[in-house]
Amino acid sequence: MSLSAILITIAEFTVGGFIIWGFWNEEKVIKFEDRLLRRLGFNVKKGRSAKITRFDPGYGKNKHCV
């Protein structure tokens, strides 16, 4: 086996392990993603609410007043 094949195999097992760990510890992964985005300068809640308002222009408005 060549060195590149060994490195690719190790990388595949590592990625697979991280995916399985992510399914088992989903809350930890979500917290990590939120912290990472906050450190990069993105406001997570602002971005998520912007997605909601993009699909529903009436979001947050009084639905009874037409």
PDB file of N, CA and C in Angstrom:
ATOM      1  N   MET A   1       0.836  -1.185   0.000  1.00  0.00           N
ATOM      2  CA  MET A   1       0.000   0.000   0.000  1.00  0.00           C
ATOM      3  C   MET A   1       0.878   1.245   0.000  1.00  0.00           C
ATOM      4  N   SER A   2       0.487   2.193  -0.781  1.00  0.00           N
ATOM      5  CA  SER A   2       1.281   3.416  -0.822  1.00  0.00           C
ATOM      6  C   SER A   2       0.901   4.339   0.332  1.00  0.00           C
ATOM      7  N   LEU A   3       1.738   5.299   0.556  1.00  0.00           N
ATOM      8  CA  LEU A   3       1.523   6.241   1.655  1.00  0.00           C
ATOM      9  C   LEU A   3       0.248   7.057   1.442  1.00  0.00           C
ATOM     10  N   SER A   4      -0.045   7.437   0.221  1.00  0.00           N
ATOM     11  CA  SER A   4      -1.246   8.241  -0.039  1.00  0.00           C
ATOM     12  C   SER A   4      -2.519   7.444   0.255  1.00  0.00           C
ATOM     13  N   ALA A   5      -2.522   6.161  -0.059  1.00  0.00           N
ATOM     14  CA  ALA A   5      -3.685   5.320   0.234  1.00  0.00           C
ATOM     15  C   ALA A   5      -3.896   5.184   1.736  1.00  0.00           C
ATOM     16  N   ILE A   6      -2.824   5.065   2.486  1.00  0.00           N
ATOM     17  CA  ILE A   6      -2.915   4.973   3.944  1.00  0.00           C
ATOM     18  C   ILE A   6      -3.466   6.266   4.529  1.00  0.00           C
ATOM     19  N   LEU A   7      -2.967   7.397   4.042  1.00  0.00           N
ATOM     20  CA  LEU A   7      -3.449   8.689   4.547  1.00  0.00           C
ATOM     21  C   LEU A   7      -4.922   8.916   4.204  1.00  0.00           C
ATOM     22  N   ILE A   8      -5.334   8.520   3.020  1.00  0.00           N
ATOM     23  CA  ILE A   8      -6.734   8.661   2.623  1.00  0.00           C
ATOM     24  C   ILE A   8      -7.624   7.781   3.500  1.00  0.00           C
ATOM     25  N   THR A   9      -7.186   6.562   3.783  1.00  0.00           N
ATOM     26  CA  THR A   9      -7.951   5.652   4.631  1.00  0.00           C
ATOM     27  C   THR A   9      -8.088   6.213   6.043  1.00  0.00           C
ATOM     28  N   ILE A  10      -7.022   6.743   6.593  1.00  0.00           N
ATOM     29  CA  ILE A  10      -7.067   7.353   7.930  1.00  0.00           C
ATOM     30  C   ILE A  10      -8.015   8.538   7.936  1.00  0.00           C
ATOM     31  N   ALA A  11      -7.964   9.366   6.900  1.00  0.00           N
ATOM     32  CA  ALA A  11      -8.853  10.529   6.817  1.00  0.00           C
ATOM     33  C   ALA A  11     -10.313  10.087   6.730  1.00  0.00           C
ATOM     34  N   GLU A  12     -10.602   9.032   5.975  1.00  0.00           N
ATOM     35  CA  GLU A  12     -11.975   8.544   5.853  1.00  0.00           C
ATOM     36  C   GLU A  12     -12.506   8.029   7.190  1.00  0.00           C
ATOM     37  N   PHE A  13     -11.686   7.279   7.917  1.00  0.00           N
ATOM     38  CA  PHE A  13     -12.111   6.791   9.227  1.00  0.00           C
ATOM     39  C   PHE A  13     -12.311   7.940  10.214  1.00  0.00           C
ATOM     40  N   THR A  14     -11.460   8.945  10.145  1.00  0.00           N
ATOM     41  CA  THR A  14     -11.590  10.101  11.033  1.00  0.00           C
ATOM     42  C   THR A  14     -12.880  10.855  10.752  1.00  0.00           C
ATOM     43  N   VAL A  15     -13.180  11.117   9.497  1.00  0.00           N
ATOM     44  CA  VAL A  15     -14.419  11.822   9.128  1.00  0.00           C
ATOM     45  C   VAL A  15     -15.633  10.996   9.541  1.00  0.00           C
ATOM     46  N   GLY A  16     -15.589   9.704   9.302  1.00  0.00           N
ATOM     47  CA  GLY A  16     -16.693   8.830   9.716  1.00  0.00           C
ATOM     48  C   GLY A  16     -16.890   8.848  11.215  1.00  0.00           C
ATOM     49  N   GLY A  17     -15.810   8.844  11.954  1.00  0.00           N
ATOM     50  CA  GLY A  17     -15.897   8.921  13.416  1.00  0.00           C
ATOM     51  C   GLY A  17     -16.509  10.230  13.881  1.00  0.00           C
ATOM     52  N   PHE A  18     -16.121  11.334  13.260  1.00  0.00           N
ATOM     53  CA  PHE A  18     -16.695  12.628  13.623  1.00  0.00           C
ATOM     54  C   PHE A  18     -18.185  12.696  13.293  1.00  0.00           C
ATOM     55  N   ILE A  19     -18.603  12.094  12.199  1.00  0.00           N
ATOM     56  CA  ILE A  19     -20.023  12.091  11.847  1.00  0.00           C
ATOM     57  C   ILE A  19     -20.819  11.298  12.877  1.00  0.00           C
ATOM     58  N   ILE A  20     -20.335  10.130  13.253  1.00  0.00           N
ATOM     59  CA  ILE A  20     -21.024   9.315  14.263  1.00  0.00           C
ATOM     60  C   ILE A  20     -21.052  10.049  15.596  1.00  0.00           C
ATOM     61  N   TRP A  21     -19.934  10.650  16.002  1.00  0.00           N
ATOM     62  CA  TRP A  21     -19.896  11.413  17.253  1.00  0.00           C
ATOM     63  C   TRP A  21     -20.884  12.577  17.209  1.00  0.00           C
ATOM     64  N   GLY A  22     -21.012  13.210  16.053  1.00  0.00           N
ATOM     65  CA  GLY A  22     -21.935  14.328  15.898  1.00  0.00           C
ATOM     66  C   GLY A  22     -23.382  13.912  16.066  1.00  0.00           C
ATOM     67  N   PHE A  23     -23.737  12.720  15.583  1.00  0.00           N
ATOM     68  CA  PHE A  23     -25.101  12.230  15.777  1.00  0.00           C
ATOM     69  C   PHE A  23     -25.384  11.949  17.248  1.00  0.00           C
ATOM     70  N   TRP A  24     -24.401  11.406  17.949  1.00  0.00           N
ATOM     71  CA  TRP A  24     -24.599  11.086  19.358  1.00  0.00           C
ATOM     72  C   TRP A  24     -24.613  12.325  20.237  1.00  0.00           C
ATOM     73  N   ASN A  25     -23.871  13.358  19.869  1.00  0.00           N
ATOM     74  CA  ASN A  25     -23.737  14.572  20.679  1.00  0.00           C
ATOM     75  C   ASN A  25     -24.211  15.787  19.900  1.00  0.00           C
ATOM     76  N   GLU A  26     -25.417  15.732  19.410  1.00  0.00           N
ATOM     77  CA  GLU A  26     -25.921  16.774  18.521  1.00  0.00           C
ATOM     78  C   GLU A  26     -25.953  18.147  19.197  1.00  0.00           C
ATOM     79  N   GLU A  27     -26.364  18.200  20.463  1.00  0.00           N
ATOM     80  CA  GLU A  27     -26.437  19.482  21.167  1.00  0.00           C
ATOM     81  C   GLU A  27     -25.053  20.124  21.293  1.00  0.00           C
ATOM     82  N   LYS A  28     -24.039  19.309  21.561  1.00  0.00           N
ATOM     83  CA  LYS A  28     -22.679  19.843  21.666  1.00  0.00           C
ATOM     84  C   LYS A  28     -22.217  20.400  20.323  1.00  0.00           C
ATOM     85  N   VAL A  29     -22.564  19.718  19.246  1.00  0.00           N
ATOM     86  CA  VAL A  29     -22.169  20.171  17.912  1.00  0.00           C
ATOM     87  C   VAL A  29     -22.850  21.496  17.589  1.00  0.00           C
ATOM     88  N   ILE A  30     -24.137  21.620  17.912  1.00  0.00           N
ATOM     89  CA  ILE A  30     -24.867  22.864  17.647  1.00  0.00           C
ATOM     90  C   ILE A  30     -24.271  24.013  18.452  1.00  0.00           C
ATOM     91  N   LYS A  31     -23.953  23.784  19.729  1.00  0.00           N
ATOM     92  CA  LYS A  31     -23.327  24.823  20.553  1.00  0.00           C
ATOM     93  C   LYS A  31     -21.973  25.231  19.973  1.00  0.00           C
ATOM     94  N   PHE A  32     -21.195  24.236  19.523  1.00  0.00           N
ATOM     95  CA  PHE A  32     -19.896  24.525  18.928  1.00  0.00           C
ATOM     96  C   PHE A  32     -20.046  25.362  17.665  1.00  0.00           C
ATOM     97  N   GLU A  33     -21.018  25.002  16.805  1.00  0.00           N
ATOM     98  CA  GLU A  33     -21.234  25.765  15.574  1.00  0.00           C
ATOM     99  C   GLU A  33     -21.636  27.202  15.885  1.00  0.00           C
ATOM    100  N   ASP A  34     -22.524  27.389  16.874  1.00  0.00           N
ATOM    101  CA  ASP A  34     -22.955  28.733  17.245  1.00  0.00           C
ATOM    102  C   ASP A  34     -21.789  29.565  17.777  1.00  0.00           C
ATOM    103  N   ARG A  35     -20.957  28.945  18.628  1.00  0.00           N
ATOM    104  CA  ARG A  35     -19.789  29.663  19.155  1.00  0.00           C
ATOM    105  C   ARG A  35     -18.818  30.026  18.044  1.00  0.00           C
ATOM    106  N   LEU A  36     -18.605  29.093  17.125  1.00  0.00           N
ATOM    107  CA  LEU A  36     -17.681  29.342  16.017  1.00  0.00           C
ATOM    108  C   LEU A  36     -18.176  30.482  15.135  1.00  0.00           C
ATOM    109  N   LEU A  37     -19.466  30.467  14.810  1.00  0.00           N
ATOM    110  CA  LEU A  37     -20.023  31.540  13.984  1.00  0.00           C
ATOM    111  C   LEU A  37     -19.968  32.885  14.707  1.00  0.00           C
ATOM    112  N   ARG A  38     -20.231  32.873  16.021  1.00  0.00           N
ATOM    113  CA  ARG A  38     -20.158  34.114  16.790  1.00  0.00           C
ATOM    114  C   ARG A  38     -18.741  34.675  16.777  1.00  0.00           C
ATOM    115  N   ARG A  39     -17.746  33.796  16.895  1.00  0.00           N
ATOM    116  CA  ARG A  39     -16.350  34.254  16.874  1.00  0.00           C
ATOM    117  C   ARG A  39     -15.953  34.780  15.503  1.00  0.00           C
ATOM    118  N   LEU A  40     -16.570  34.232  14.465  1.00  0.00           N
ATOM    119  CA  LEU A  40     -16.286  34.709  13.117  1.00  0.00           C
ATOM    120  C   LEU A  40     -17.031  36.005  12.799  1.00  0.00           C
ATOM    121  N   GLY A  41     -17.931  36.416  13.686  1.00  0.00           N
ATOM    122  CA  GLY A  41     -18.600  37.693  13.511  1.00  0.00           C
ATOM    123  C   GLY A  41     -20.013  37.598  12.984  1.00  0.00           C
ATOM    124  N   PHE A  42     -20.572  36.418  12.895  1.00  0.00           N
ATOM    125  CA  PHE A  42     -21.944  36.275  12.438  1.00  0.00           C
ATOM    126  C   PHE A  42     -22.869  36.187  13.637  1.00  0.00           C
ATOM    127  N   ASN A  43     -23.964  36.911  13.573  1.00  0.00           N
ATOM    128  CA  ASN A  43     -24.956  36.807  14.621  1.00  0.00           C
ATOM    129  C   ASN A  43     -25.908  35.687  14.235  1.00  0.00           C
ATOM    130  N   VAL A  44     -25.899  34.610  14.994  1.00  0.00           N
ATOM    131  CA  VAL A  44     -26.628  33.400  14.619  1.00  0.00           C
ATOM    132  C   VAL A  44     -28.128  33.642  14.624  1.00  0.00           C
ATOM    133  N   LYS A  45     -28.650  34.248  15.683  1.00  0.00           N
ATOM    134  CA  LYS A  45     -30.094  34.450  15.766  1.00  0.00           C
ATOM    135  C   LYS A  45     -30.569  35.413  14.688  1.00  0.00           C
ATOM    136  N   LYS A  46     -29.786  36.425  14.408  1.00  0.00           N
ATOM    137  CA  LYS A  46     -30.160  37.387  13.386  1.00  0.00           C
ATOM    138  C   LYS A  46     -30.245  36.703  12.016  1.00  0.00           C
ATOM    139  N   GLY A  47     -29.293  35.841  11.722  1.00  0.00           N
ATOM    140  CA  GLY A  47     -29.287  35.140  10.450  1.00  0.00           C
ATOM    141  C   GLY A  47     -30.436  34.157  10.325  1.00  0.00           C
ATOM    142  N   ARG A  48     -30.761  33.481  11.421  1.00  0.00           N
ATOM    143  CA  ARG A  48     -31.842  32.510  11.372  1.00  0.00           C
ATOM    144  C   ARG A  48     -33.183  33.207  11.238  1.00  0.00           C
ATOM    145  N   SER A  49     -33.368  34.344  11.919  1.00  0.00           N
ATOM    146  CA  SER A  49     -34.644  35.041  11.794  1.00  0.00           C
ATOM    147  C   SER A  49     -34.762  35.695  10.421  1.00  0.00           C
ATOM    148  N   ALA A  50     -33.637  36.073   9.835  1.00  0.00           N
ATOM    149  CA  ALA A  50     -33.683  36.652   8.488  1.00  0.00           C
ATOM    150  C   ALA A  50     -34.142  35.606   7.480  1.00  0.00           C
ATOM    151  N   LYS A  51     -33.747  34.355   7.689  1.00  0.00           N
ATOM    152  CA  LYS A  51     -34.201  33.294   6.802  1.00  0.00           C
ATOM    153  C   LYS A  51     -35.705  33.106   6.917  1.00  0.00           C
ATOM    154  N   ILE A  52     -36.221  33.201   8.145  1.00  0.00           N
ATOM    155  CA  ILE A  52     -37.657  33.036   8.349  1.00  0.00           C
ATOM    156  C   ILE A  52     -38.416  34.160   7.659  1.00  0.00           C
ATOM    157  N   THR A  53     -37.966  35.399   7.833  1.00  0.00           N
ATOM    158  CA  THR A  53     -38.679  36.527   7.243  1.00  0.00           C
ATOM    159  C   THR A  53     -38.562  36.525   5.723  1.00  0.00           C
ATOM    160  N   ARG A  54     -37.514  35.947   5.193  1.00  0.00           N
ATOM    161  CA  ARG A  54     -37.369  35.883   3.747  1.00  0.00           C
ATOM    162  C   ARG A  54     -38.473  34.999   3.151  1.00  0.00           C
ATOM    163  N   PHE A  55     -38.826  33.937   3.859  1.00  0.00           N
ATOM    164  CA  PHE A  55     -39.839  33.029   3.351  1.00  0.00           C
ATOM    165  C   PHE A  55     -41.251  33.442   3.767  1.00  0.00           C
ATOM    166  N   ASP A  56     -41.381  34.186   4.853  1.00  0.00           N
ATOM    167  CA  ASP A  56     -42.693  34.604   5.338  1.00  0.00           C
ATOM    168  C   ASP A  56     -42.644  36.095   5.644  1.00  0.00           C
ATOM    169  N   PRO A  57     -43.027  36.957   4.696  1.00  0.00           N
ATOM    170  CA  PRO A  57     -42.929  38.397   4.909  1.00  0.00           C
ATOM    171  C   PRO A  57     -43.809  38.891   6.050  1.00  0.00           C
ATOM    172  N   GLY A  58     -44.829  38.138   6.432  1.00  0.00           N
ATOM    173  CA  GLY A  58     -45.706  38.546   7.522  1.00  0.00           C
ATOM    174  C   GLY A  58     -45.241  38.082   8.882  1.00  0.00           C
ATOM    175  N   TYR A  59     -44.051  37.491   8.965  1.00  0.00           N
ATOM    176  CA  TYR A  59     -43.551  36.966  10.226  1.00  0.00           C
ATOM    177  C   TYR A  59     -43.346  38.104  11.228  1.00  0.00           C
ATOM    178  N   GLY A  60     -43.896  37.945  12.420  1.00  0.00           N
ATOM    179  CA  GLY A  60     -43.704  38.919  13.476  1.00  0.00           C
ATOM    180  C   GLY A  60     -44.721  40.042  13.450  1.00  0.00           C
ATOM    181  N   LYS A  61     -45.533  40.116  12.445  1.00  0.00           N
ATOM    182  CA  LYS A  61     -46.544  41.167  12.379  1.00  0.00           C
ATOM    183  C   LYS A  61     -47.849  40.639  12.958  1.00  0.00           C
ATOM    184  N   ASN A  62     -48.720  41.552  13.312  1.00  0.00           N
ATOM    185  CA  ASN A  62     -50.007  41.157  13.852  1.00  0.00           C
ATOM    186  C   ASN A  62     -50.848  40.573  12.720  1.00  0.00           C
ATOM    187  N   LYS A  63     -51.140  39.298  12.822  1.00  0.00           N
ATOM    188  CA  LYS A  63     -51.863  38.600  11.745  1.00  0.00           C
ATOM    189  C   LYS A  63     -53.345  39.005  11.691  1.00  0.00           C
ATOM    190  N   HIS A  64     -53.876  39.574  12.789  1.00  0.00           N
ATOM    191  CA  HIS A  64     -55.292  39.908  12.827  1.00  0.00           C
ATOM    192  C   HIS A  64     -55.614  41.192  12.070  1.00  0.00           C
ATOM    193  N   CYS A  65     -54.631  42.060  11.906  1.00  0.00           N
ATOM    194  CA  CYS A  65     -54.859  43.314  11.178  1.00  0.00           C
ATOM    195  C   CYS A  65     -54.525  43.084   9.704  1.00  0.00           C
ATOM    196  N   VAL A  66     -55.531  43.079   8.883  1.00  0.00           N
ATOM    197  CA  VAL A  66     -55.308  42.805   7.458  1.00  0.00           C
ATOM    198  C   VAL A  66     -55.449  44.056   6.647  1.00  0.00           C
TER     199      VAL A  66
END
